[in-house]
Amino acid sequence: MLGKKLHVKKGDTVMVVAGKDKSKTGKLLSVVAKKDGVLVEGINVVKRHTRARGNQPGGIVEKEAPVHISNVMLYCGKCKKAVRTAINILEDGKKTRICKKCGESFDK
């Protein structure tokens, strides 16, 4: 995956389009390059049994597991749905991502 171009970035609001958490939205926490996945806040939450280490107590901890990158799409707040993006090049040469439906810019 290291050579592929991603359609989402850390901090984006994304919607899950397939799987058990379909149609849920959340903030993208990080990209897991080795597994072609992303961690989304509150999505695909699993329980992990942890052993006590030093000052940390053991027990059952809930944490997010990776969702495959193909199962998430960027969420447009204006359209209120998952959308595809286009690349728009500004006058100063910077590239921004825009919504293909309404033209809303995702990069500030």
C-alpha atoms as a PDB file:
ATOM      1  CA  MET A   1       0.000   0.000   0.000  1.00  0.00           C
ATOM      2  CA  LEU A   2       2.934   2.331   0.458  1.00  0.00           C
ATOM      3  CA  GLY A   3       2.905   3.329  -3.220  1.00  0.00           C
ATOM      4  CA  LYS A   4      -0.850   3.937  -3.465  1.00  0.00           C
ATOM      5  CA  LYS A   5      -2.549   7.328  -3.325  1.00  0.00           C
ATOM      6  CA  LEU A   6      -5.190   7.598  -0.615  1.00  0.00           C
ATOM      7  CA  HIS A   7      -8.522   9.392  -0.931  1.00  0.00           C
ATOM      8  CA  VAL A   8      -8.720  10.190   2.793  1.00  0.00           C
ATOM      9  CA  LYS A   9      -6.380  11.861   5.284  1.00  0.00           C
ATOM     10  CA  LYS A  10      -5.976  11.859   9.051  1.00  0.00           C
ATOM     11  CA  GLY A  11      -8.615  14.107  10.639  1.00  0.00           C
ATOM     12  CA  ASP A  12     -11.205  13.700   7.845  1.00  0.00           C
ATOM     13  CA  THR A  13     -14.799  12.793   8.615  1.00  0.00           C
ATOM     14  CA  VAL A  14     -15.555   9.530   6.838  1.00  0.00           C
ATOM     15  CA  MET A  15     -18.565   7.260   6.392  1.00  0.00           C
ATOM     16  CA  VAL A  16     -18.366   3.464   6.380  1.00  0.00           C
ATOM     17  CA  VAL A  17     -20.022   2.162   3.190  1.00  0.00           C
ATOM     18  CA  ALA A  18     -19.721  -1.610   3.793  1.00  0.00           C
ATOM     19  CA  GLY A  19     -19.528  -4.028   6.700  1.00  0.00           C
ATOM     20  CA  LYS A  20     -21.117  -4.274  10.139  1.00  0.00           C
ATOM     21  CA  ASP A  21     -20.800  -0.518  10.801  1.00  0.00           C
ATOM     22  CA  LYS A  22     -22.312   0.529   7.458  1.00  0.00           C
ATOM     23  CA  SER A  23     -23.655   4.126   7.301  1.00  0.00           C
ATOM     24  CA  LYS A  24     -21.865   5.212  10.503  1.00  0.00           C
ATOM     25  CA  THR A  25     -19.629   8.276  10.435  1.00  0.00           C
ATOM     26  CA  GLY A  26     -16.550   9.129  12.435  1.00  0.00           C
ATOM     27  CA  LYS A  27     -13.270  11.000  12.494  1.00  0.00           C
ATOM     28  CA  LEU A  28     -10.282   9.294  10.870  1.00  0.00           C
ATOM     29  CA  LEU A  29      -7.676   8.672  13.582  1.00  0.00           C
ATOM     30  CA  SER A  30      -4.851   7.103  11.571  1.00  0.00           C
ATOM     31  CA  VAL A  31      -3.911   5.098   8.492  1.00  0.00           C
ATOM     32  CA  VAL A  32      -2.597   1.534   8.966  1.00  0.00           C
ATOM     33  CA  ALA A  33      -0.426   1.152   5.858  1.00  0.00           C
ATOM     34  CA  LYS A  34       0.540  -2.505   6.311  1.00  0.00           C
ATOM     35  CA  LYS A  35      -3.076  -3.702   6.481  1.00  0.00           C
ATOM     36  CA  ASP A  36      -4.546  -1.289   3.883  1.00  0.00           C
ATOM     37  CA  GLY A  37      -6.782   0.005   6.638  1.00  0.00           C
ATOM     38  CA  VAL A  38      -7.797   3.051   8.616  1.00  0.00           C
ATOM     39  CA  LEU A  39      -8.767   3.589  12.250  1.00  0.00           C
ATOM     40  CA  VAL A  40     -12.048   5.480  12.604  1.00  0.00           C
ATOM     41  CA  GLU A  41     -13.249   6.896  15.919  1.00  0.00           C
ATOM     42  CA  GLY A  42     -16.045   4.729  17.376  1.00  0.00           C
ATOM     43  CA  ILE A  43     -16.141   2.325  14.402  1.00  0.00           C
ATOM     44  CA  ASN A  44     -15.261  -1.416  14.501  1.00  0.00           C
ATOM     45  CA  VAL A  45     -14.733  -1.360  18.266  1.00  0.00           C
ATOM     46  CA  VAL A  46     -13.336  -4.642  19.624  1.00  0.00           C
ATOM     47  CA  LYS A  47     -12.533  -5.840  23.136  1.00  0.00           C
ATOM     48  CA  ARG A  48      -8.929  -6.663  23.995  1.00  0.00           C
ATOM     49  CA  HIS A  49      -7.888  -8.567  27.106  1.00  0.00           C
ATOM     50  CA  THR A  50      -4.763  -6.909  28.479  1.00  0.00           C
ATOM     51  CA  ARG A  51      -2.330  -8.096  31.107  1.00  0.00           C
ATOM     52  CA  ALA A  52      -1.281  -5.781  33.928  1.00  0.00           C
ATOM     53  CA  ARG A  53       2.008  -3.991  33.197  1.00  0.00           C
ATOM     54  CA  GLY A  54       3.782  -1.816  35.705  1.00  0.00           C
ATOM     55  CA  ASN A  55       1.337   0.827  36.848  1.00  0.00           C
ATOM     56  CA  GLN A  56      -1.353  -0.089  34.280  1.00  0.00           C
ATOM     57  CA  PRO A  57      -4.038  -2.476  35.537  1.00  0.00           C
ATOM     58  CA  GLY A  58      -5.115  -5.456  33.445  1.00  0.00           C
ATOM     59  CA  GLY A  59      -8.630  -6.024  32.204  1.00  0.00           C
ATOM     60  CA  ILE A  60     -10.841  -5.760  29.166  1.00  0.00           C
ATOM     61  CA  VAL A  61     -10.194  -2.685  27.027  1.00  0.00           C
ATOM     62  CA  GLU A  62     -12.302  -1.502  24.085  1.00  0.00           C
ATOM     63  CA  LYS A  63     -10.384  -0.079  21.140  1.00  0.00           C
ATOM     64  CA  GLU A  64     -10.863   0.563  17.441  1.00  0.00           C
ATOM     65  CA  ALA A  65      -9.712  -2.072  14.951  1.00  0.00           C
ATOM     66  CA  PRO A  66      -8.730  -1.206  11.357  1.00  0.00           C
ATOM     67  CA  VAL A  67     -11.398  -0.929   8.649  1.00  0.00           C
ATOM     68  CA  HIS A  68     -10.265  -1.620   5.071  1.00  0.00           C
ATOM     69  CA  ILE A  69      -9.633   1.577   3.120  1.00  0.00           C
ATOM     70  CA  SER A  70     -12.067   0.494   0.367  1.00  0.00           C
ATOM     71  CA  ASN A  71     -14.925   0.408   2.893  1.00  0.00           C
ATOM     72  CA  VAL A  72     -14.778   4.111   3.786  1.00  0.00           C
ATOM     73  CA  MET A  73     -15.629   7.240   1.813  1.00  0.00           C
ATOM     74  CA  LEU A  74     -15.219  10.908   2.605  1.00  0.00           C
ATOM     75  CA  TYR A  75     -18.330  12.421   4.244  1.00  0.00           C
ATOM     76  CA  CYS A  76     -19.562  15.785   2.944  1.00  0.00           C
ATOM     77  CA  GLY A  77     -21.212  17.885   5.651  1.00  0.00           C
ATOM     78  CA  LYS A  78     -23.041  19.990   3.074  1.00  0.00           C
ATOM     79  CA  CYS A  79     -24.487  17.042   1.086  1.00  0.00           C
ATOM     80  CA  LYS A  80     -24.937  14.914   4.251  1.00  0.00           C
ATOM     81  CA  LYS A  81     -23.700  11.774   2.449  1.00  0.00           C
ATOM     82  CA  ALA A  82     -20.586   9.846   1.438  1.00  0.00           C
ATOM     83  CA  VAL A  83     -19.118  11.354  -1.718  1.00  0.00           C
ATOM     84  CA  ARG A  84     -16.383  10.892  -4.276  1.00  0.00           C
ATOM     85  CA  THR A  85     -13.770  13.605  -4.550  1.00  0.00           C
ATOM     86  CA  ALA A  86     -12.064  15.491  -7.336  1.00  0.00           C
ATOM     87  CA  ILE A  87      -8.739  17.316  -7.235  1.00  0.00           C
ATOM     88  CA  ASN A  88      -8.886  21.063  -7.859  1.00  0.00           C
ATOM     89  CA  ILE A  89      -5.674  23.010  -8.528  1.00  0.00           C
ATOM     90  CA  LEU A  90      -5.668  26.573  -7.188  1.00  0.00           C
ATOM     91  CA  GLU A  91      -3.921  29.587  -8.757  1.00  0.00           C
ATOM     92  CA  ASP A  92      -0.940  29.237  -6.406  1.00  0.00           C
ATOM     93  CA  GLY A  93      -0.436  25.591  -7.450  1.00  0.00           C
ATOM     94  CA  LYS A  94      -1.898  23.952  -4.341  1.00  0.00           C
ATOM     95  CA  LYS A  95      -4.145  20.930  -4.795  1.00  0.00           C
ATOM     96  CA  THR A  96      -7.419  20.692  -2.869  1.00  0.00           C
ATOM     97  CA  ARG A  97     -10.039  17.964  -2.681  1.00  0.00           C
ATOM     98  CA  ILE A  98     -13.594  18.979  -3.570  1.00  0.00           C
ATOM     99  CA  CYS A  99     -16.942  17.190  -3.419  1.00  0.00           C
ATOM    100  CA  LYS A 100     -18.062  15.979  -6.856  1.00  0.00           C
ATOM    101  CA  LYS A 101     -21.730  16.646  -6.004  1.00  0.00           C
ATOM    102  CA  CYS A 102     -21.736  20.139  -4.483  1.00  0.00           C
ATOM    103  CA  GLY A 103     -18.200  21.487  -4.993  1.00  0.00           C
ATOM    104  CA  GLU A 104     -17.479  21.916  -1.261  1.00  0.00           C
ATOM    105  CA  SER A 105     -13.752  21.979  -0.461  1.00  0.00           C
ATOM    106  CA  PHE A 106     -12.416  19.512   2.135  1.00  0.00           C
ATOM    107  CA  ASP A 107      -8.936  21.040   2.515  1.00  0.00           C
ATOM    108  CA  LYS A 108      -8.815  24.327   4.377  1.00  0.00           C
END
